[in-house]
N, C-alpha and C. Protein backbone atom coordinates (compact mmCIF):
# COMPACT_ATOMS: atom_id res chain seq x y z
N MET A 1 67.45 102.68 117.46
CA MET A 1 68.26 103.15 116.31
C MET A 1 69.51 104.03 116.72
N SER A 2 70.51 103.93 116.46
CA SER A 2 71.45 105.13 116.77
C SER A 2 71.22 106.57 115.96
N SER A 3 71.71 107.19 116.46
CA SER A 3 71.46 108.30 115.20
C SER A 3 73.23 108.62 114.59
N PRO A 4 73.17 108.73 113.55
CA PRO A 4 74.19 109.02 112.30
C PRO A 4 75.68 109.08 113.75
N SER A 5 75.44 110.56 114.44
CA SER A 5 76.64 110.89 115.15
C SER A 5 77.02 110.05 116.13
N ALA A 6 76.13 109.11 116.78
CA ALA A 6 76.39 108.02 117.74
C ALA A 6 77.17 106.95 116.91
N LYS A 7 76.61 106.44 115.57
CA LYS A 7 77.29 105.58 114.75
C LYS A 7 78.52 106.08 114.54
N ARG A 8 79.06 106.80 114.37
CA ARG A 8 80.46 107.45 113.83
C ARG A 8 81.01 107.88 115.06
N SER A 9 80.38 107.86 115.94
CA SER A 9 81.52 108.07 117.32
C SER A 9 81.74 106.50 117.84
N GLN A 10 81.10 105.51 117.64
CA GLN A 10 81.27 104.35 117.70
C GLN A 10 82.07 104.04 117.25
N LEU A 11 82.21 103.82 115.71
CA LEU A 11 82.84 103.68 114.47
C LEU A 11 84.36 104.21 115.30
N ILE A 12 84.45 105.44 115.40
CA ILE A 12 85.58 106.01 115.61
C ILE A 12 86.82 105.35 116.76
N GLY A 13 85.83 105.24 117.80
CA GLY A 13 86.19 104.36 119.12
C GLY A 13 86.48 103.07 118.80
N GLN A 14 85.75 102.16 117.95
CA GLN A 14 86.61 100.87 117.73
C GLN A 14 87.63 100.84 116.59
N LEU A 15 87.96 102.04 115.87
CA LEU A 15 89.12 102.50 115.30
C LEU A 15 90.08 102.16 116.09
N LEU A 16 90.15 103.42 117.13
CA LEU A 16 90.82 104.00 117.65
C LEU A 16 91.70 102.54 118.83
N LEU A 17 90.55 101.95 119.32
CA LEU A 17 90.69 100.36 119.94
C LEU A 17 91.86 99.61 119.26
N ALA A 18 90.78 99.41 118.09
CA ALA A 18 91.55 98.26 117.13
C ALA A 18 92.95 98.90 116.56
N MET A 19 93.34 100.31 116.55
CA MET A 19 95.09 100.85 116.39
C MET A 19 96.03 100.44 117.74
N ARG A 20 95.10 100.16 118.75
CA ARG A 20 95.77 100.35 120.22
C ARG A 20 95.91 98.59 120.10
N GLU A 21 95.37 97.79 119.52
CA GLU A 21 95.60 96.46 119.45
C GLU A 21 96.64 95.94 118.50
N MET A 22 96.44 96.57 117.23
CA MET A 22 97.58 96.66 116.51
C MET A 22 98.67 96.88 116.83
N SER A 23 98.80 98.24 117.44
CA SER A 23 100.17 98.30 117.67
C SER A 23 100.80 97.44 118.92
N MET A 24 100.12 96.93 119.80
CA MET A 24 100.68 95.90 120.68
C MET A 24 100.77 94.62 119.99
N GLN A 25 99.99 94.43 118.90
CA GLN A 25 100.82 93.28 118.31
C GLN A 25 101.77 93.33 117.41
N LEU A 26 101.97 94.19 116.87
CA LEU A 26 103.12 94.47 116.06
C LEU A 26 104.38 94.64 117.11
N SER A 27 104.32 95.47 118.16
CA SER A 27 105.36 95.33 119.24
C SER A 27 105.61 94.26 119.54
N LEU A 28 104.61 92.97 119.82
CA LEU A 28 104.75 91.98 119.78
C LEU A 28 105.81 90.85 119.18
N LEU A 29 105.21 91.21 118.14
CA LEU A 29 105.92 90.54 116.74
C LEU A 29 107.33 91.04 116.58
N ASN A 30 107.64 92.59 116.99
CA ASN A 30 109.00 92.71 117.06
C ASN A 30 109.80 92.18 118.07
N GLN A 31 109.31 91.97 119.19
CA GLN A 31 110.43 91.37 120.07
C GLN A 31 110.32 90.32 120.12
N THR A 32 109.37 89.70 119.51
CA THR A 32 109.78 88.09 119.44
C THR A 32 110.70 87.67 118.33
N VAL A 33 110.65 88.45 116.91
CA VAL A 33 111.79 88.53 115.87
C VAL A 33 113.04 89.20 116.92
N GLY A 34 113.31 89.90 117.78
CA GLY A 34 114.22 90.16 117.96
C GLY A 34 114.75 89.37 119.29
N GLY A 35 114.10 88.75 119.59
CA GLY A 35 113.98 87.55 120.57
C GLY A 35 115.17 86.38 119.79
N CYS A 36 114.24 86.02 118.50
CA CYS A 36 114.77 84.97 118.15
C CYS A 36 116.29 85.25 117.10
N ILE A 37 116.92 86.33 117.08
CA ILE A 37 118.01 86.45 116.31
C ILE A 37 118.69 87.09 117.85
N GLY A 38 118.27 87.37 118.62
CA GLY A 38 119.40 87.54 119.75
C GLY A 38 119.28 89.19 120.10
N MET A 39 118.46 89.96 119.68
CA MET A 39 118.56 91.41 119.40
C MET A 39 117.33 92.05 120.26
N ALA A 40 118.11 93.00 120.90
CA ALA A 40 116.95 93.75 121.72
C ALA A 40 115.91 94.94 120.80
N PHE A 41 114.89 94.92 121.44
CA PHE A 41 114.03 95.94 121.00
C PHE A 41 114.22 96.94 120.26
N LEU A 42 114.95 97.81 121.05
CA LEU A 42 115.72 99.26 120.47
C LEU A 42 116.89 99.25 119.73
N ASP A 43 117.44 97.72 119.32
CA ASP A 43 118.40 97.70 118.91
C ASP A 43 117.73 97.36 117.32
N LEU A 44 116.78 96.63 117.27
CA LEU A 44 115.88 96.12 116.08
C LEU A 44 115.21 97.33 115.23
N GLN A 45 114.79 98.04 116.30
CA GLN A 45 114.15 99.52 115.95
C GLN A 45 115.23 100.12 115.07
N THR A 46 116.46 100.27 115.66
CA THR A 46 117.49 101.25 115.17
C THR A 46 117.53 100.77 113.88
N LEU A 47 118.14 99.30 113.98
CA LEU A 47 118.88 98.56 112.96
C LEU A 47 117.32 99.06 111.72
N ASP A 48 116.37 99.14 111.94
CA ASP A 48 115.26 98.94 110.78
C ASP A 48 114.90 100.79 110.13
N VAL A 49 115.41 101.66 111.00
CA VAL A 49 115.46 102.91 110.84
C VAL A 49 116.64 102.95 109.74
N ILE A 50 117.83 102.36 109.58
CA ILE A 50 119.15 102.72 109.21
C ILE A 50 118.56 102.31 108.31
N SER A 51 117.97 101.00 107.83
CA SER A 51 117.90 100.06 107.14
C SER A 51 116.86 100.83 105.83
N ARG A 52 116.12 101.79 106.27
CA ARG A 52 114.74 102.14 105.77
C ARG A 52 115.55 103.62 105.17
N ARG A 53 115.96 104.38 106.32
CA ARG A 53 116.24 105.83 105.93
C ARG A 53 117.96 106.11 105.78
N GLY A 54 118.37 105.37 105.79
CA GLY A 54 119.84 105.44 105.90
C GLY A 54 120.82 105.82 104.73
N PRO A 55 121.73 106.30 104.45
CA PRO A 55 122.71 106.33 105.36
C PRO A 55 122.23 107.34 106.25
N LEU A 56 122.94 107.68 107.61
CA LEU A 56 121.99 108.76 108.50
C LEU A 56 123.73 108.70 109.07
N THR A 57 123.47 109.60 110.07
CA THR A 57 124.87 109.79 111.14
C THR A 57 123.98 109.65 112.41
N PRO A 58 125.16 109.07 113.31
CA PRO A 58 124.80 108.71 114.96
C PRO A 58 123.69 110.04 115.52
N SER A 59 123.91 111.40 115.20
CA SER A 59 122.95 112.38 115.69
C SER A 59 121.71 112.35 114.80
N GLU A 60 121.61 112.47 113.79
CA GLU A 60 120.65 112.41 112.88
C GLU A 60 119.48 111.35 113.50
N LEU A 61 119.96 109.96 113.80
CA LEU A 61 119.56 108.92 114.36
C LEU A 61 118.91 108.86 115.61
N ALA A 62 119.84 109.60 116.58
CA ALA A 62 119.71 110.01 118.21
C ALA A 62 118.33 110.68 118.13
N SER A 63 118.26 111.66 117.16
CA SER A 63 117.41 112.94 117.20
C SER A 63 116.34 112.32 116.82
N MET A 64 115.98 111.22 115.67
CA MET A 64 114.73 110.54 115.23
C MET A 64 114.71 109.79 116.19
N SER A 65 114.91 109.06 117.28
CA SER A 65 114.52 108.70 117.73
C SER A 65 114.42 109.00 119.35
N GLY A 66 114.74 110.13 119.47
CA GLY A 66 114.59 110.63 120.77
C GLY A 66 115.28 110.04 122.03
N LEU A 67 116.52 109.41 121.73
CA LEU A 67 117.42 108.58 122.64
C LEU A 67 118.66 109.29 122.29
N SER A 68 119.42 109.13 124.02
CA SER A 68 120.44 110.28 124.39
C SER A 68 121.58 109.71 123.37
N PRO A 69 122.78 110.88 123.20
CA PRO A 69 123.57 109.89 122.21
C PRO A 69 124.39 108.81 122.96
N ALA A 70 124.41 109.44 124.49
CA ALA A 70 125.09 107.72 124.64
C ALA A 70 124.37 106.51 124.89
N THR A 71 122.74 106.61 124.70
CA THR A 71 122.41 105.55 124.27
C THR A 71 122.35 104.94 123.28
N MET A 72 122.43 105.71 122.18
CA MET A 72 122.74 105.55 120.75
C MET A 72 124.01 104.41 120.34
N THR A 73 125.14 105.40 121.17
CA THR A 73 126.12 105.02 121.14
C THR A 73 126.19 103.51 121.35
N GLY A 74 125.75 103.34 122.05
CA GLY A 74 125.80 101.49 122.84
C GLY A 74 124.94 100.84 121.93
N ILE A 75 123.75 101.27 121.46
CA ILE A 75 123.28 100.51 120.42
C ILE A 75 123.81 100.56 119.23
N LEU A 76 124.35 101.50 118.93
CA LEU A 76 125.62 101.28 117.64
C LEU A 76 126.60 100.45 117.57
N ASP A 77 127.13 100.34 118.93
CA ASP A 77 128.42 99.47 118.90
C ASP A 77 127.58 97.94 118.72
N ARG A 78 126.58 98.27 119.75
CA ARG A 78 126.43 96.65 119.52
C ARG A 78 125.88 95.77 118.18
N LEU A 79 125.73 97.05 117.85
CA LEU A 79 124.81 96.68 116.32
C LEU A 79 126.15 96.39 115.15
N GLU A 80 127.29 97.29 115.32
CA GLU A 80 128.64 97.12 114.60
C GLU A 80 129.12 96.04 114.79
N ASN A 81 129.21 95.50 116.00
CA ASN A 81 130.09 94.46 116.72
C ASN A 81 129.34 93.10 116.30
N GLU A 82 128.32 92.83 116.08
CA GLU A 82 127.55 92.18 115.78
C GLU A 82 127.19 91.73 114.27
N GLY A 83 127.83 92.80 113.17
CA GLY A 83 128.20 92.74 111.68
C GLY A 83 126.84 93.30 111.07
N TRP A 84 125.60 94.26 111.84
CA TRP A 84 125.07 94.40 111.36
C TRP A 84 124.60 95.91 110.52
N VAL A 85 125.53 96.93 111.19
CA VAL A 85 125.64 97.98 110.34
C VAL A 85 127.30 98.28 110.39
N ARG A 86 127.22 99.38 109.79
CA ARG A 86 129.13 99.55 109.65
C ARG A 86 128.86 101.35 109.60
N ARG A 87 130.02 102.24 110.29
CA ARG A 87 130.27 103.60 110.32
C ARG A 87 131.33 103.78 109.33
N GLU A 88 131.06 104.56 108.50
CA GLU A 88 131.91 104.85 107.63
C GLU A 88 131.86 106.34 107.30
N ARG A 89 133.18 106.96 107.13
CA ARG A 89 133.51 108.27 107.00
C ARG A 89 132.69 108.78 105.76
N ASP A 90 132.18 110.18 105.65
CA ASP A 90 131.47 110.43 104.47
C ASP A 90 132.70 111.20 103.80
N PRO A 91 132.73 110.67 102.50
CA PRO A 91 133.28 110.97 101.49
C PRO A 91 133.63 112.66 101.44
N HIS A 92 132.95 113.45 101.79
CA HIS A 92 132.55 114.70 101.35
C HIS A 92 132.77 115.98 102.56
N ASP A 93 133.08 115.01 103.70
CA ASP A 93 133.71 115.48 105.17
C ASP A 93 133.46 114.66 105.83
N ARG A 94 135.05 114.47 106.13
CA ARG A 94 135.47 113.00 106.80
C ARG A 94 135.33 113.32 108.71
N ARG A 95 135.02 114.24 109.05
CA ARG A 95 134.08 114.75 110.30
C ARG A 95 133.14 113.89 110.49
N LYS A 96 132.31 113.74 109.33
CA LYS A 96 131.09 112.88 109.67
C LYS A 96 130.98 111.59 109.49
N VAL A 97 130.26 110.82 110.54
CA VAL A 97 130.09 109.33 109.94
C VAL A 97 128.90 108.89 109.65
N ASN A 98 128.84 108.44 108.45
CA ASN A 98 127.48 107.61 108.01
C ASN A 98 127.23 106.10 108.74
N LEU A 99 126.21 106.14 109.01
CA LEU A 99 125.81 104.60 109.31
C LEU A 99 124.73 104.00 108.16
N HIS A 100 125.63 102.43 108.13
CA HIS A 100 125.19 101.95 106.70
C HIS A 100 124.16 100.85 107.88
N ALA A 101 123.30 99.86 106.70
CA ALA A 101 122.74 99.03 107.36
C ALA A 101 123.57 97.82 106.24
N ASN A 102 123.78 96.57 106.68
CA ASN A 102 124.63 95.14 105.98
C ASN A 102 123.54 94.44 105.29
N PRO A 103 123.64 94.65 104.29
CA PRO A 103 122.26 94.37 103.33
C PRO A 103 122.51 92.66 103.26
N ARG A 104 123.80 92.02 103.43
CA ARG A 104 123.61 90.55 103.55
C ARG A 104 123.45 90.05 104.65
N ARG A 105 122.97 90.91 106.15
CA ARG A 105 122.32 90.33 107.24
C ARG A 105 121.00 90.48 106.94
N GLY A 106 120.63 91.38 106.10
CA GLY A 106 118.92 91.58 106.15
C GLY A 106 118.43 90.41 106.21
N SER A 107 118.54 89.15 105.11
CA SER A 107 117.76 87.86 105.27
C SER A 107 117.41 87.39 106.52
N GLU A 108 118.41 87.42 107.54
CA GLU A 108 117.82 86.62 108.87
C GLU A 108 116.98 87.48 109.16
N ILE A 109 116.81 88.65 109.34
CA ILE A 109 115.95 89.03 109.99
C ILE A 109 114.29 89.19 109.16
N PHE A 110 114.35 89.45 107.81
CA PHE A 110 113.29 89.28 107.14
C PHE A 110 112.47 88.33 106.75
N GLY A 111 113.24 87.32 106.90
CA GLY A 111 112.61 85.60 106.86
C GLY A 111 111.71 85.55 107.92
N ARG A 112 111.84 86.17 109.06
CA ARG A 112 111.15 86.06 110.29
C ARG A 112 110.04 86.82 110.16
N TYR A 113 110.13 87.64 109.28
CA TYR A 113 108.52 88.59 108.92
C TYR A 113 107.32 87.87 107.89
N ARG A 114 108.56 86.62 107.50
CA ARG A 114 107.59 86.43 106.16
C ARG A 114 106.25 86.18 106.30
N GLY A 115 105.94 85.55 107.32
CA GLY A 115 104.23 84.98 107.59
C GLY A 115 103.52 86.12 107.58
N MET A 116 104.20 87.53 108.35
CA MET A 116 103.04 88.44 108.47
C MET A 116 103.05 88.55 107.32
N GLN A 117 104.20 89.16 106.50
CA GLN A 117 104.35 89.52 105.15
C GLN A 117 102.90 89.29 104.25
N ASP A 118 103.52 87.51 103.91
CA ASP A 118 102.79 86.60 103.20
C ASP A 118 101.00 86.92 103.88
N ARG A 119 100.54 87.13 105.00
CA ARG A 119 99.36 87.47 105.55
C ARG A 119 98.66 88.78 105.02
N LEU A 120 99.86 89.80 105.20
CA LEU A 120 99.41 90.88 104.77
C LEU A 120 98.76 90.96 103.22
N ARG A 121 99.71 90.52 102.71
CA ARG A 121 99.60 90.91 101.09
C ARG A 121 97.93 89.81 100.78
N GLN A 122 97.89 89.04 101.82
CA GLN A 122 96.60 88.01 101.49
C GLN A 122 95.47 88.98 101.58
N ILE A 123 95.42 89.88 102.86
CA ILE A 123 94.34 90.53 103.04
C ILE A 123 94.57 91.70 102.28
N CYS A 124 95.46 91.82 101.75
CA CYS A 124 95.41 93.66 100.54
C CYS A 124 94.69 92.90 99.17
N ALA A 125 94.40 91.75 99.05
CA ALA A 125 94.28 91.05 97.78
C ALA A 125 92.54 91.15 98.04
N ASP A 126 91.97 91.40 99.22
CA ASP A 126 90.79 91.63 99.17
C ASP A 126 90.35 93.27 99.21
N TYR A 127 90.93 94.17 99.00
CA TYR A 127 90.86 95.34 98.75
C TYR A 127 90.89 95.86 97.18
N THR A 128 90.00 96.79 97.43
CA THR A 128 90.42 97.20 95.64
C THR A 128 91.64 97.90 95.45
N ASP A 129 92.22 98.91 94.51
CA ASP A 129 93.09 99.83 94.60
C ASP A 129 92.73 101.22 95.31
N ASP A 130 91.54 101.41 94.90
CA ASP A 130 91.17 102.80 95.82
C ASP A 130 91.26 102.57 97.24
N GLN A 131 90.77 101.49 97.39
CA GLN A 131 90.83 101.37 98.62
C GLN A 131 91.97 101.44 99.64
N LEU A 132 93.07 100.28 99.26
CA LEU A 132 94.25 100.64 99.41
C LEU A 132 95.12 101.59 99.20
N ALA A 133 94.72 102.70 98.77
CA ALA A 133 94.97 103.97 98.45
C ALA A 133 94.58 105.10 99.64
N LEU A 134 93.28 104.90 99.82
CA LEU A 134 92.75 104.84 100.84
C LEU A 134 93.28 104.64 102.34
N LEU A 135 93.63 103.47 102.11
CA LEU A 135 94.56 103.05 103.82
C LEU A 135 95.75 103.50 103.88
N ILE A 136 96.83 103.63 102.36
CA ILE A 136 97.82 104.28 102.84
C ILE A 136 97.72 105.48 102.95
N ASP A 137 97.08 106.44 102.43
CA ASP A 137 96.48 108.02 102.74
C ASP A 137 96.19 108.12 104.44
N PHE A 138 95.52 107.56 105.05
CA PHE A 138 95.06 107.36 106.44
C PHE A 138 96.15 106.57 107.25
N ILE A 139 97.05 105.76 107.27
CA ILE A 139 98.33 105.58 108.12
C ILE A 139 99.31 106.68 107.66
N GLY A 140 99.05 107.14 106.59
CA GLY A 140 100.20 108.33 106.04
C GLY A 140 100.12 109.28 107.27
N GLN A 141 98.62 109.60 107.16
CA GLN A 141 98.15 110.83 108.38
C GLN A 141 98.16 110.24 109.92
N VAL A 142 97.86 109.24 110.32
CA VAL A 142 98.42 108.48 111.61
C VAL A 142 99.78 108.98 111.86
N ILE A 143 100.68 108.12 110.90
CA ILE A 143 102.08 108.66 111.31
C ILE A 143 102.28 110.15 111.26
N ASP A 144 101.60 110.79 110.46
CA ASP A 144 101.76 112.47 110.96
C ASP A 144 101.76 112.87 112.24
N ALA A 145 100.22 112.37 112.14
CA ALA A 145 99.99 112.96 113.72
C ALA A 145 100.89 112.28 114.75
N GLY A 146 101.39 110.88 114.87
CA GLY A 146 101.83 110.45 116.03
C GLY A 146 103.11 111.32 116.24
N THR A 147 103.88 111.75 115.01
CA THR A 147 105.22 112.43 114.91
C THR A 147 104.80 113.68 115.45
N GLY A 148 103.84 114.25 115.09
CA GLY A 148 103.48 115.68 115.58
C GLY A 148 103.30 115.16 117.28
N ALA A 149 102.51 114.43 117.99
CA ALA A 149 102.18 114.21 119.16
C ALA A 149 103.63 113.77 119.77
N THR A 150 104.43 113.40 119.25
CA THR A 150 105.82 112.74 120.07
C THR A 150 106.64 114.24 120.07
N ALA A 151 106.52 115.01 119.18
CA ALA A 151 106.93 116.30 118.90
C ALA A 151 106.66 117.21 120.34
N GLN A 152 105.27 117.26 120.40
CA GLN A 152 104.72 118.23 121.53
C GLN A 152 104.84 117.69 122.19
N LEU A 153 105.35 116.30 122.77
CA LEU A 153 105.48 115.72 123.88
C LEU A 153 106.54 115.97 124.70
N ARG A 154 107.60 116.07 123.51
CA ARG A 154 109.11 116.10 124.11
C ARG A 154 109.18 117.81 124.29
N GLU A 155 108.40 118.30 123.49
CA GLU A 155 108.73 119.96 123.86
C GLU A 155 108.47 120.25 125.41
N SER A 156 107.70 119.45 125.81
CA SER A 156 106.58 120.22 127.00
C SER A 156 107.24 119.69 128.07
């Protein structure tokens, strides 16, 4: 019989492995969605950030993504040319440009995720509110850990 610490180590190992698999599957889903609409993976990820956190300046977006300003400019040019985003002068500082996602185009992407969203809702239905709150807390802490680890790697 396993000791409690061995059991815990085994569970943590299984969790870490499951999270790697989840990351891979979500990446594959995002790449597939991008392929369905003719959008590169980085472009789709950039559009998602603008949609969730916008409006943002190109500099803010480049800093958040870790991409060079030149790479970000190319991505934004493609997204703007295809009508996914628009650049607007900041009304308070005309030197500043803000990026806005085009909400009318969102349904072209969101519909591709409907199967996953429906499945996630079914999965969530099996959990209590307290369990869902625990999962939200855990995922939030994982996001913070990833943000910190990324920053640490960029600094070194």
